[in-house]
Amino acid sequence: MQATRDFLKRMGLPPGDLYDLPDSPKRFPDGAQYRVEIPSVEGPNALAAVLAEAEARRVRVHRVSQGSGILLLTDAEIREMARLGAQARVEVSLFVGPRAA
């Protein structure tokens, strides 16, 4: 591990985490410092599981995204994802895909 720290230092980079840096004063409009997004939530069952686990662990999820593409979902599944997101006040980002090479 020390060899890696020495290498980073020689490159002009910090040899480890800079815990002494000040917090950023920047905030989201609601005053929060960060957002939690869960990627690859591919359908309504996965979304329901993410929301249930977030609630059980008391973690505020702000956004989920579905990356494989809504062309793989039925209209009913898309509507259910929108309904679950609205009910939980979680932004649901759906992508068109799948995309050609």
PDB file of N, CA and C in Angstrom:
ATOM      1  N   MET A   1       0.823  -1.186   0.000  1.00  0.00           N
ATOM      2  CA  MET A   1       0.000   0.000   0.000  1.00  0.00           C
ATOM      3  C   MET A   1       0.877   1.263   0.000  1.00  0.00           C
ATOM      4  N   GLN A   2       1.979   1.203   0.732  1.00  0.00           N
ATOM      5  CA  GLN A   2       2.863   2.370   0.786  1.00  0.00           C
ATOM      6  C   GLN A   2       3.458   2.672  -0.584  1.00  0.00           C
ATOM      7  N   ALA A   3       3.755   1.626  -1.366  1.00  0.00           N
ATOM      8  CA  ALA A   3       4.295   1.841  -2.714  1.00  0.00           C
ATOM      9  C   ALA A   3       3.289   2.618  -3.568  1.00  0.00           C
ATOM     10  N   THR A   4       2.030   2.317  -3.418  1.00  0.00           N
ATOM     11  CA  THR A   4       0.991   3.034  -4.170  1.00  0.00           C
ATOM     12  C   THR A   4       0.912   4.478  -3.721  1.00  0.00           C
ATOM     13  N   ARG A   5       0.975   4.712  -2.408  1.00  0.00           N
ATOM     14  CA  ARG A   5       0.939   6.088  -1.898  1.00  0.00           C
ATOM     15  C   ARG A   5       2.142   6.887  -2.403  1.00  0.00           C
ATOM     16  N   ASP A   6       3.320   6.264  -2.406  1.00  0.00           N
ATOM     17  CA  ASP A   6       4.526   6.928  -2.904  1.00  0.00           C
ATOM     18  C   ASP A   6       4.397   7.255  -4.389  1.00  0.00           C
ATOM     19  N   PHE A   7       3.849   6.311  -5.158  1.00  0.00           N
ATOM     20  CA  PHE A   7       3.649   6.526  -6.589  1.00  0.00           C
ATOM     21  C   PHE A   7       2.719   7.715  -6.834  1.00  0.00           C
ATOM     22  N   LEU A   8       1.612   7.767  -6.122  1.00  0.00           N
ATOM     23  CA  LEU A   8       0.670   8.879  -6.282  1.00  0.00           C
ATOM     24  C   LEU A   8       1.329  10.208  -5.928  1.00  0.00           C
ATOM     25  N   LYS A   9       2.097  10.197  -4.862  1.00  0.00           N
ATOM     26  CA  LYS A   9       2.773  11.424  -4.425  1.00  0.00           C
ATOM     27  C   LYS A   9       3.765  11.913  -5.479  1.00  0.00           C
ATOM     28  N   ARG A  10       4.512  10.971  -6.082  1.00  0.00           N
ATOM     29  CA  ARG A  10       5.469  11.335  -7.139  1.00  0.00           C
ATOM     30  C   ARG A  10       4.762  11.934  -8.360  1.00  0.00           C
ATOM     31  N   MET A  11       3.515  11.535  -8.583  1.00  0.00           N
ATOM     32  CA  MET A  11       2.746  12.064  -9.717  1.00  0.00           C
ATOM     33  C   MET A  11       2.080  13.392  -9.381  1.00  0.00           C
ATOM     34  N   GLY A  12       2.283  13.871  -8.165  1.00  0.00           N
ATOM     35  CA  GLY A  12       1.688  15.136  -7.768  1.00  0.00           C
ATOM     36  C   GLY A  12       0.263  14.998  -7.274  1.00  0.00           C
ATOM     37  N   LEU A  13      -0.137  13.773  -6.973  1.00  0.00           N
ATOM     38  CA  LEU A  13      -1.492  13.516  -6.485  1.00  0.00           C
ATOM     39  C   LEU A  13      -1.459  13.261  -4.984  1.00  0.00           C
ATOM     40  N   PRO A  14      -2.576  13.447  -4.324  1.00  0.00           N
ATOM     41  CA  PRO A  14      -2.613  13.155  -2.886  1.00  0.00           C
ATOM     42  C   PRO A  14      -2.353  11.667  -2.647  1.00  0.00           C
ATOM     43  N   PRO A  15      -1.587  11.320  -1.632  1.00  0.00           N
ATOM     44  CA  PRO A  15      -1.288   9.910  -1.363  1.00  0.00           C
ATOM     45  C   PRO A  15      -2.429   9.156  -0.679  1.00  0.00           C
ATOM     46  N   GLY A  16      -3.513   9.843  -0.416  1.00  0.00           N
ATOM     47  CA  GLY A  16      -4.656   9.206   0.230  1.00  0.00           C
ATOM     48  C   GLY A  16      -5.825  10.168   0.273  1.00  0.00           C
ATOM     49  N   ASP A  17      -6.855   9.786   0.995  1.00  0.00           N
ATOM     50  CA  ASP A  17      -8.032  10.641   1.134  1.00  0.00           C
ATOM     51  C   ASP A  17      -7.676  11.931   1.857  1.00  0.00           C
ATOM     52  N   LEU A  18      -8.273  13.019   1.416  1.00  0.00           N
ATOM     53  CA  LEU A  18      -8.019  14.330   2.003  1.00  0.00           C
ATOM     54  C   LEU A  18      -9.163  14.686   2.950  1.00  0.00           C
ATOM     55  N   TYR A  19      -9.157  14.057   4.093  1.00  0.00           N
ATOM     56  CA  TYR A  19     -10.238  14.272   5.049  1.00  0.00           C
ATOM     57  C   TYR A  19     -10.240  15.682   5.636  1.00  0.00           C
ATOM     58  N   ASP A  20      -9.149  16.413   5.469  1.00  0.00           N
ATOM     59  CA  ASP A  20      -9.076  17.752   6.039  1.00  0.00           C
ATOM     60  C   ASP A  20      -9.642  18.831   5.114  1.00  0.00           C
ATOM     61  N   LEU A  21     -10.175  18.423   3.955  1.00  0.00           N
ATOM     62  CA  LEU A  21     -10.771  19.410   3.064  1.00  0.00           C
ATOM     63  C   LEU A  21     -12.069  19.939   3.673  1.00  0.00           C
ATOM     64  N   PRO A  22     -12.379  21.202   3.446  1.00  0.00           N
ATOM     65  CA  PRO A  22     -13.626  21.754   3.997  1.00  0.00           C
ATOM     66  C   PRO A  22     -14.832  21.210   3.230  1.00  0.00           C
ATOM     67  N   ASP A  23     -15.986  21.173   3.878  1.00  0.00           N
ATOM     68  CA  ASP A  23     -17.229  20.801   3.207  1.00  0.00           C
ATOM     69  C   ASP A  23     -17.564  21.863   2.174  1.00  0.00           C
ATOM     70  N   SER A  24     -18.184  21.435   1.098  1.00  0.00           N
ATOM     71  CA  SER A  24     -18.637  22.375   0.080  1.00  0.00           C
ATOM     72  C   SER A  24     -19.868  23.118   0.597  1.00  0.00           C
ATOM     73  N   PRO A  25     -19.945  24.399   0.344  1.00  0.00           N
ATOM     74  CA  PRO A  25     -21.139  25.144   0.748  1.00  0.00           C
ATOM     75  C   PRO A  25     -22.307  24.950  -0.228  1.00  0.00           C
ATOM     76  N   LYS A  26     -22.053  24.282  -1.364  1.00  0.00           N
ATOM     77  CA  LYS A  26     -23.095  24.113  -2.373  1.00  0.00           C
ATOM     78  C   LYS A  26     -24.147  23.127  -1.891  1.00  0.00           C
ATOM     79  N   ARG A  27     -25.405  23.416  -2.234  1.00  0.00           N
ATOM     80  CA  ARG A  27     -26.524  22.593  -1.814  1.00  0.00           C
ATOM     81  C   ARG A  27     -27.551  22.511  -2.942  1.00  0.00           C
ATOM     82  N   PHE A  28     -28.372  21.481  -2.891  1.00  0.00           N
ATOM     83  CA  PHE A  28     -29.523  21.375  -3.778  1.00  0.00           C
ATOM     84  C   PHE A  28     -30.573  22.380  -3.307  1.00  0.00           C
ATOM     85  N   PRO A  29     -31.559  22.682  -4.139  1.00  0.00           N
ATOM     86  CA  PRO A  29     -32.566  23.677  -3.753  1.00  0.00           C
ATOM     87  C   PRO A  29     -33.260  23.398  -2.418  1.00  0.00           C
ATOM     88  N   ASP A  30     -33.354  22.121  -2.029  1.00  0.00           N
ATOM     89  CA  ASP A  30     -34.002  21.808  -0.747  1.00  0.00           C
ATOM     90  C   ASP A  30     -33.030  21.827   0.427  1.00  0.00           C
ATOM     91  N   GLY A  31     -31.762  22.208   0.172  1.00  0.00           N
ATOM     92  CA  GLY A  31     -30.776  22.304   1.237  1.00  0.00           C
ATOM     93  C   GLY A  31     -29.922  21.064   1.426  1.00  0.00           C
ATOM     94  N   ALA A  32     -30.210  19.994   0.716  1.00  0.00           N
ATOM     95  CA  ALA A  32     -29.458  18.739   0.876  1.00  0.00           C
ATOM     96  C   ALA A  32     -28.077  18.834   0.240  1.00  0.00           C
ATOM     97  N   GLN A  33     -27.127  18.081   0.799  1.00  0.00           N
ATOM     98  CA  GLN A  33     -25.764  18.050   0.275  1.00  0.00           C
ATOM     99  C   GLN A  33     -25.591  17.040  -0.851  1.00  0.00           C
ATOM    100  N   TYR A  34     -26.413  16.011  -0.891  1.00  0.00           N
ATOM    101  CA  TYR A  34     -26.221  14.942  -1.866  1.00  0.00           C
ATOM    102  C   TYR A  34     -27.563  14.346  -2.270  1.00  0.00           C
ATOM    103  N   ARG A  35     -27.531  13.522  -3.280  1.00  0.00           N
ATOM    104  CA  ARG A  35     -28.691  12.786  -3.770  1.00  0.00           C
ATOM    105  C   ARG A  35     -28.297  11.311  -3.880  1.00  0.00           C
ATOM    106  N   VAL A  36     -29.287  10.439  -3.729  1.00  0.00           N
ATOM    107  CA  VAL A  36     -29.072   9.007  -3.894  1.00  0.00           C
ATOM    108  C   VAL A  36     -29.859   8.559  -5.120  1.00  0.00           C
ATOM    109  N   GLU A  37     -29.141   7.966  -6.091  1.00  0.00           N
ATOM    110  CA  GLU A  37     -29.778   7.399  -7.280  1.00  0.00           C
ATOM    111  C   GLU A  37     -29.437   5.921  -7.337  1.00  0.00           C
ATOM    112  N   ILE A  38     -30.434   5.096  -7.615  1.00  0.00           N
ATOM    113  CA  ILE A  38     -30.223   3.667  -7.803  1.00  0.00           C
ATOM    114  C   ILE A  38     -30.367   3.392  -9.299  1.00  0.00           C
ATOM    115  N   PRO A  39     -29.276   2.972  -9.966  1.00  0.00           N
ATOM    116  CA  PRO A  39     -29.336   2.708 -11.402  1.00  0.00           C
ATOM    117  C   PRO A  39     -29.820   1.283 -11.693  1.00  0.00           C
ATOM    118  N   SER A  40     -30.174   1.055 -12.933  1.00  0.00           N
ATOM    119  CA  SER A  40     -30.548  -0.280 -13.440  1.00  0.00           C
ATOM    120  C   SER A  40     -31.738  -0.886 -12.722  1.00  0.00           C
ATOM    121  N   VAL A  41     -32.731  -0.063 -12.445  1.00  0.00           N
ATOM    122  CA  VAL A  41     -33.994  -0.548 -11.886  1.00  0.00           C
ATOM    123  C   VAL A  41     -34.875  -0.852 -13.098  1.00  0.00           C
ATOM    124  N   GLU A  42     -34.878  -2.102 -13.520  1.00  0.00           N
ATOM    125  CA  GLU A  42     -35.345  -2.457 -14.857  1.00  0.00           C
ATOM    126  C   GLU A  42     -36.838  -2.718 -15.009  1.00  0.00           C
ATOM    127  N   GLY A  43     -37.600  -2.653 -13.956  1.00  0.00           N
ATOM    128  CA  GLY A  43     -39.030  -2.870 -14.093  1.00  0.00           C
ATOM    129  C   GLY A  43     -39.753  -2.578 -12.796  1.00  0.00           C
ATOM    130  N   PRO A  44     -41.076  -2.680 -12.794  1.00  0.00           N
ATOM    131  CA  PRO A  44     -41.855  -2.336 -11.606  1.00  0.00           C
ATOM    132  C   PRO A  44     -41.555  -3.233 -10.409  1.00  0.00           C
ATOM    133  N   ASN A  45     -41.279  -4.508 -10.627  1.00  0.00           N
ATOM    134  CA  ASN A  45     -40.960  -5.379  -9.491  1.00  0.00           C
ATOM    135  C   ASN A  45     -39.640  -4.966  -8.834  1.00  0.00           C
ATOM    136  N   ALA A  46     -38.663  -4.634  -9.661  1.00  0.00           N
ATOM    137  CA  ALA A  46     -37.381  -4.174  -9.125  1.00  0.00           C
ATOM    138  C   ALA A  46     -37.549  -2.839  -8.402  1.00  0.00           C
ATOM    139  N   LEU A  47     -38.356  -1.960  -8.962  1.00  0.00           N
ATOM    140  CA  LEU A  47     -38.599  -0.665  -8.324  1.00  0.00           C
ATOM    141  C   LEU A  47     -39.287  -0.850  -6.974  1.00  0.00           C
ATOM    142  N   ALA A  48     -40.286  -1.711  -6.926  1.00  0.00           N
ATOM    143  CA  ALA A  48     -40.972  -1.971  -5.654  1.00  0.00           C
ATOM    144  C   ALA A  48     -39.994  -2.520  -4.621  1.00  0.00           C
ATOM    145  N   ALA A  49     -39.074  -3.393  -5.045  1.00  0.00           N
ATOM    146  CA  ALA A  49     -38.083  -3.947  -4.124  1.00  0.00           C
ATOM    147  C   ALA A  49     -37.122  -2.870  -3.631  1.00  0.00           C
ATOM    148  N   VAL A  50     -36.674  -1.993  -4.525  1.00  0.00           N
ATOM    149  CA  VAL A  50     -35.776  -0.897  -4.134  1.00  0.00           C
ATOM    150  C   VAL A  50     -36.469   0.008  -3.120  1.00  0.00           C
ATOM    151  N   LEU A  51     -37.725   0.355  -3.397  1.00  0.00           N
ATOM    152  CA  LEU A  51     -38.442   1.255  -2.496  1.00  0.00           C
ATOM    153  C   LEU A  51     -38.690   0.606  -1.135  1.00  0.00           C
ATOM    154  N   ALA A  52     -39.006  -0.679  -1.126  1.00  0.00           N
ATOM    155  CA  ALA A  52     -39.228  -1.384   0.139  1.00  0.00           C
ATOM    156  C   ALA A  52     -37.933  -1.456   0.953  1.00  0.00           C
ATOM    157  N   GLU A  53     -36.841  -1.750   0.295  1.00  0.00           N
ATOM    158  CA  GLU A  53     -35.556  -1.842   1.009  1.00  0.00           C
ATOM    159  C   GLU A  53     -35.106  -0.476   1.505  1.00  0.00           C
ATOM    160  N   ALA A  54     -35.312   0.555   0.706  1.00  0.00           N
ATOM    161  CA  ALA A  54     -34.954   1.911   1.136  1.00  0.00           C
ATOM    162  C   ALA A  54     -35.761   2.297   2.371  1.00  0.00           C
ATOM    163  N   GLU A  55     -37.039   1.958   2.366  1.00  0.00           N
ATOM    164  CA  GLU A  55     -37.880   2.264   3.522  1.00  0.00           C
ATOM    165  C   GLU A  55     -37.426   1.466   4.750  1.00  0.00           C
ATOM    166  N   ALA A  56     -37.133   0.192   4.553  1.00  0.00           N
ATOM    167  CA  ALA A  56     -36.698  -0.651   5.670  1.00  0.00           C
ATOM    168  C   ALA A  56     -35.396  -0.146   6.280  1.00  0.00           C
ATOM    169  N   ARG A  57     -34.523   0.380   5.440  1.00  0.00           N
ATOM    170  CA  ARG A  57     -33.215   0.857   5.918  1.00  0.00           C
ATOM    171  C   ARG A  57     -33.213   2.344   6.218  1.00  0.00           C
ATOM    172  N   ARG A  58     -34.347   2.980   5.992  1.00  0.00           N
ATOM    173  CA  ARG A  58     -34.510   4.413   6.257  1.00  0.00           C
ATOM    174  C   ARG A  58     -33.513   5.257   5.457  1.00  0.00           C
ATOM    175  N   VAL A  59     -33.411   4.906   4.170  1.00  0.00           N
ATOM    176  CA  VAL A  59     -32.537   5.630   3.240  1.00  0.00           C
ATOM    177  C   VAL A  59     -33.420   6.364   2.246  1.00  0.00           C
ATOM    178  N   ARG A  60     -33.214   7.644   2.111  1.00  0.00           N
ATOM    179  CA  ARG A  60     -33.986   8.445   1.166  1.00  0.00           C
ATOM    180  C   ARG A  60     -33.394   8.262  -0.225  1.00  0.00           C
ATOM    181  N   VAL A  61     -34.146   7.646  -1.115  1.00  0.00           N
ATOM    182  CA  VAL A  61     -33.747   7.508  -2.515  1.00  0.00           C
ATOM    183  C   VAL A  61     -34.429   8.633  -3.282  1.00  0.00           C
ATOM    184  N   HIS A  62     -33.641   9.390  -4.017  1.00  0.00           N
ATOM    185  CA  HIS A  62     -34.176  10.537  -4.739  1.00  0.00           C
ATOM    186  C   HIS A  62     -34.539  10.196  -6.179  1.00  0.00           C
ATOM    187  N   ARG A  63     -33.806   9.229  -6.752  1.00  0.00           N
ATOM    188  CA  ARG A  63     -34.008   8.937  -8.170  1.00  0.00           C
ATOM    189  C   ARG A  63     -33.635   7.499  -8.450  1.00  0.00           C
ATOM    190  N   VAL A  64     -34.371   6.881  -9.363  1.00  0.00           N
ATOM    191  CA  VAL A  64     -33.992   5.581  -9.904  1.00  0.00           C
ATOM    192  C   VAL A  64     -33.927   5.741 -11.416  1.00  0.00           C
ATOM    193  N   SER A  65     -33.093   4.942 -12.049  1.00  0.00           N
ATOM    194  CA  SER A  65     -33.025   4.984 -13.509  1.00  0.00           C
ATOM    195  C   SER A  65     -33.101   3.561 -14.051  1.00  0.00           C
ATOM    196  N   GLN A  66     -33.650   3.458 -15.229  1.00  0.00           N
ATOM    197  CA  GLN A  66     -33.847   2.182 -15.895  1.00  0.00           C
ATOM    198  C   GLN A  66     -33.086   2.283 -17.193  1.00  0.00           C
ATOM    199  N   GLY A  67     -32.059   1.482 -17.371  1.00  0.00           N
ATOM    200  CA  GLY A  67     -31.140   1.701 -18.469  1.00  0.00           C
ATOM    201  C   GLY A  67     -31.309   0.817 -19.689  1.00  0.00           C
ATOM    202  N   SER A  68     -31.985  -0.315 -19.573  1.00  0.00           N
ATOM    203  CA  SER A  68     -32.052  -1.215 -20.730  1.00  0.00           C
ATOM    204  C   SER A  68     -33.048  -0.722 -21.774  1.00  0.00           C
ATOM    205  N   GLY A  69     -33.985   0.089 -21.359  1.00  0.00           N
ATOM    206  CA  GLY A  69     -34.898   0.692 -22.316  1.00  0.00           C
ATOM    207  C   GLY A  69     -36.339   0.290 -22.103  1.00  0.00           C
ATOM    208  N   ILE A  70     -37.235   1.277 -22.192  1.00  0.00           N
ATOM    209  CA  ILE A  70     -38.655   1.007 -21.955  1.00  0.00           C
ATOM    210  C   ILE A  70     -39.291   0.243 -23.107  1.00  0.00           C
ATOM    211  N   LEU A  71     -38.601   0.126 -24.231  1.00  0.00           N
ATOM    212  CA  LEU A  71     -39.147  -0.683 -25.312  1.00  0.00           C
ATOM    213  C   LEU A  71     -39.251  -2.146 -24.898  1.00  0.00           C
ATOM    214  N   LEU A  72     -38.583  -2.512 -23.805  1.00  0.00           N
ATOM    215  CA  LEU A  72     -38.655  -3.872 -23.285  1.00  0.00           C
ATOM    216  C   LEU A  72     -39.765  -4.036 -22.251  1.00  0.00           C
ATOM    217  N   LEU A  73     -40.471  -2.943 -21.932  1.00  0.00           N
ATOM    218  CA  LEU A  73     -41.550  -2.973 -20.941  1.00  0.00           C
ATOM    219  C   LEU A  73     -42.903  -2.802 -21.633  1.00  0.00           C
ATOM    220  N   THR A  74     -43.930  -3.328 -21.004  1.00  0.00           N
ATOM    221  CA  THR A  74     -45.284  -3.098 -21.506  1.00  0.00           C
ATOM    222  C   THR A  74     -45.745  -1.713 -21.049  1.00  0.00           C
ATOM    223  N   ASP A  75     -46.787  -1.223 -21.674  1.00  0.00           N
ATOM    224  CA  ASP A  75     -47.351   0.065 -21.252  1.00  0.00           C
ATOM    225  C   ASP A  75     -47.790   0.005 -19.794  1.00  0.00           C
ATOM    226  N   ALA A  76     -48.359  -1.123 -19.395  1.00  0.00           N
ATOM    227  CA  ALA A  76     -48.804  -1.275 -18.002  1.00  0.00           C
ATOM    228  C   ALA A  76     -47.619  -1.223 -17.036  1.00  0.00           C
ATOM    229  N   GLU A  77     -46.491  -1.818 -17.417  1.00  0.00           N
ATOM    230  CA  GLU A  77     -45.295  -1.778 -16.556  1.00  0.00           C
ATOM    231  C   GLU A  77     -44.749  -0.360 -16.443  1.00  0.00           C
ATOM    232  N   ILE A  78     -44.764   0.371 -17.546  1.00  0.00           N
ATOM    233  CA  ILE A  78     -44.300   1.764 -17.533  1.00  0.00           C
ATOM    234  C   ILE A  78     -45.193   2.600 -16.622  1.00  0.00           C
ATOM    235  N   ARG A  79     -46.502   2.430 -16.766  1.00  0.00           N
ATOM    236  CA  ARG A  79     -47.435   3.172 -15.910  1.00  0.00           C
ATOM    237  C   ARG A  79     -47.238   2.808 -14.442  1.00  0.00           C
ATOM    238  N   GLU A  80     -46.987   1.542 -14.150  1.00  0.00           N
ATOM    239  CA  GLU A  80     -46.781   1.116 -12.762  1.00  0.00           C
ATOM    240  C   GLU A  80     -45.503   1.725 -12.185  1.00  0.00           C
ATOM    241  N   MET A  81     -44.457   1.804 -12.984  1.00  0.00           N
ATOM    242  CA  MET A  81     -43.231   2.443 -12.504  1.00  0.00           C
ATOM    243  C   MET A  81     -43.481   3.922 -12.218  1.00  0.00           C
ATOM    244  N   ALA A  82     -44.219   4.583 -13.089  1.00  0.00           N
ATOM    245  CA  ALA A  82     -44.544   5.994 -12.864  1.00  0.00           C
ATOM    246  C   ALA A  82     -45.383   6.153 -11.598  1.00  0.00           C
ATOM    247  N   ARG A  83     -46.345   5.259 -11.399  1.00  0.00           N
ATOM    248  CA  ARG A  83     -47.207   5.328 -10.208  1.00  0.00           C
ATOM    249  C   ARG A  83     -46.402   5.098  -8.930  1.00  0.00           C
ATOM    250  N   LEU A  84     -45.536   4.085  -8.937  1.00  0.00           N
ATOM    251  CA  LEU A  84     -44.721   3.799  -7.747  1.00  0.00           C
ATOM    252  C   LEU A  84     -43.799   4.967  -7.423  1.00  0.00           C
ATOM    253  N   GLY A  85     -43.183   5.535  -8.461  1.00  0.00           N
ATOM    254  CA  GLY A  85     -42.299   6.672  -8.240  1.00  0.00           C
ATOM    255  C   GLY A  85     -43.043   7.871  -7.684  1.00  0.00           C
ATOM    256  N   ALA A  86     -44.205   8.173  -8.244  1.00  0.00           N
ATOM    257  CA  ALA A  86     -44.998   9.306  -7.763  1.00  0.00           C
ATOM    258  C   ALA A  86     -45.440   9.084  -6.321  1.00  0.00           C
ATOM    259  N   GLN A  87     -45.869   7.881  -6.023  1.00  0.00           N
ATOM    260  CA  GLN A  87     -46.328   7.560  -4.665  1.00  0.00           C
ATOM    261  C   GLN A  87     -45.203   7.720  -3.643  1.00  0.00           C
ATOM    262  N   ALA A  88     -43.995   7.311  -4.028  1.00  0.00           N
ATOM    263  CA  ALA A  88     -42.848   7.379  -3.114  1.00  0.00           C
ATOM    264  C   ALA A  88     -42.116   8.717  -3.204  1.00  0.00           C
ATOM    265  N   ARG A  89     -42.547   9.587  -4.120  1.00  0.00           N
ATOM    266  CA  ARG A  89     -41.874  10.869  -4.360  1.00  0.00           C
ATOM    267  C   ARG A  89     -40.421  10.652  -4.769  1.00  0.00           C
ATOM    268  N   VAL A  90     -40.227   9.716  -5.696  1.00  0.00           N
ATOM    269  CA  VAL A  90     -38.916   9.375  -6.244  1.00  0.00           C
ATOM    270  C   VAL A  90     -38.950   9.634  -7.740  1.00  0.00           C
ATOM    271  N   GLU A  91     -37.955  10.342  -8.246  1.00  0.00           N
ATOM    272  CA  GLU A  91     -37.863  10.594  -9.678  1.00  0.00           C
ATOM    273  C   GLU A  91     -37.540   9.274 -10.376  1.00  0.00           C
ATOM    274  N   VAL A  92     -38.278   8.961 -11.429  1.00  0.00           N
ATOM    275  CA  VAL A  92     -38.055   7.741 -12.200  1.00  0.00           C
ATOM    276  C   VAL A  92     -37.605   8.158 -13.596  1.00  0.00           C
ATOM    277  N   SER A  93     -36.382   7.795 -13.945  1.00  0.00           N
ATOM    278  CA  SER A  93     -35.828   8.150 -15.245  1.00  0.00           C
ATOM    279  C   SER A  93     -35.821   6.906 -16.129  1.00  0.00           C
ATOM    280  N   LEU A  94     -36.635   6.951 -17.191  1.00  0.00           N
ATOM    281  CA  LEU A  94     -36.758   5.818 -18.102  1.00  0.00           C
ATOM    282  C   LEU A  94     -36.111   6.198 -19.433  1.00  0.00           C
ATOM    283  N   PHE A  95     -35.387   5.260 -20.016  1.00  0.00           N
ATOM    284  CA  PHE A  95     -34.688   5.506 -21.263  1.00  0.00           C
ATOM    285  C   PHE A  95     -35.400   4.775 -22.391  1.00  0.00           C
ATOM    286  N   VAL A  96     -35.294   5.296 -23.620  1.00  0.00           N
ATOM    287  CA  VAL A  96     -36.012   4.729 -24.742  1.00  0.00           C
ATOM    288  C   VAL A  96     -35.480   3.337 -25.075  1.00  0.00           C
ATOM    289  N   GLY A  97     -34.218   3.179 -25.425  1.00  0.00           N
ATOM    290  CA  GLY A  97     -33.550   1.930 -25.769  1.00  0.00           C
ATOM    291  C   GLY A  97     -34.471   0.749 -26.011  1.00  0.00           C
ATOM    292  N   PRO A  98     -33.970  -0.407 -26.297  1.00  0.00           N
ATOM    293  CA  PRO A  98     -32.535  -0.614 -26.501  1.00  0.00           C
ATOM    294  C   PRO A  98     -32.053   0.107 -27.761  1.00  0.00           C
ATOM    295  N   ARG A  99     -30.810   0.455 -27.734  1.00  0.00           N
ATOM    296  CA  ARG A  99     -30.233   1.232 -28.815  1.00  0.00           C
ATOM    297  C   ARG A  99     -29.404   0.333 -29.733  1.00  0.00           C
ATOM    298  N   ALA A 100     -29.428   0.651 -30.999  1.00  0.00           N
ATOM    299  CA  ALA A 100     -28.632  -0.121 -31.962  1.00  0.00           C
ATOM    300  C   ALA A 100     -27.156   0.176 -31.770  1.00  0.00           C
ATOM    301  N   ALA A 101     -26.331  -0.744 -32.210  1.00  0.00           N
ATOM    302  CA  ALA A 101     -24.867  -0.576 -32.085  1.00  0.00           C
ATOM    303  C   ALA A 101     -24.388   0.591 -32.920  1.00  0.00           C
TER     304      ALA A 101
END
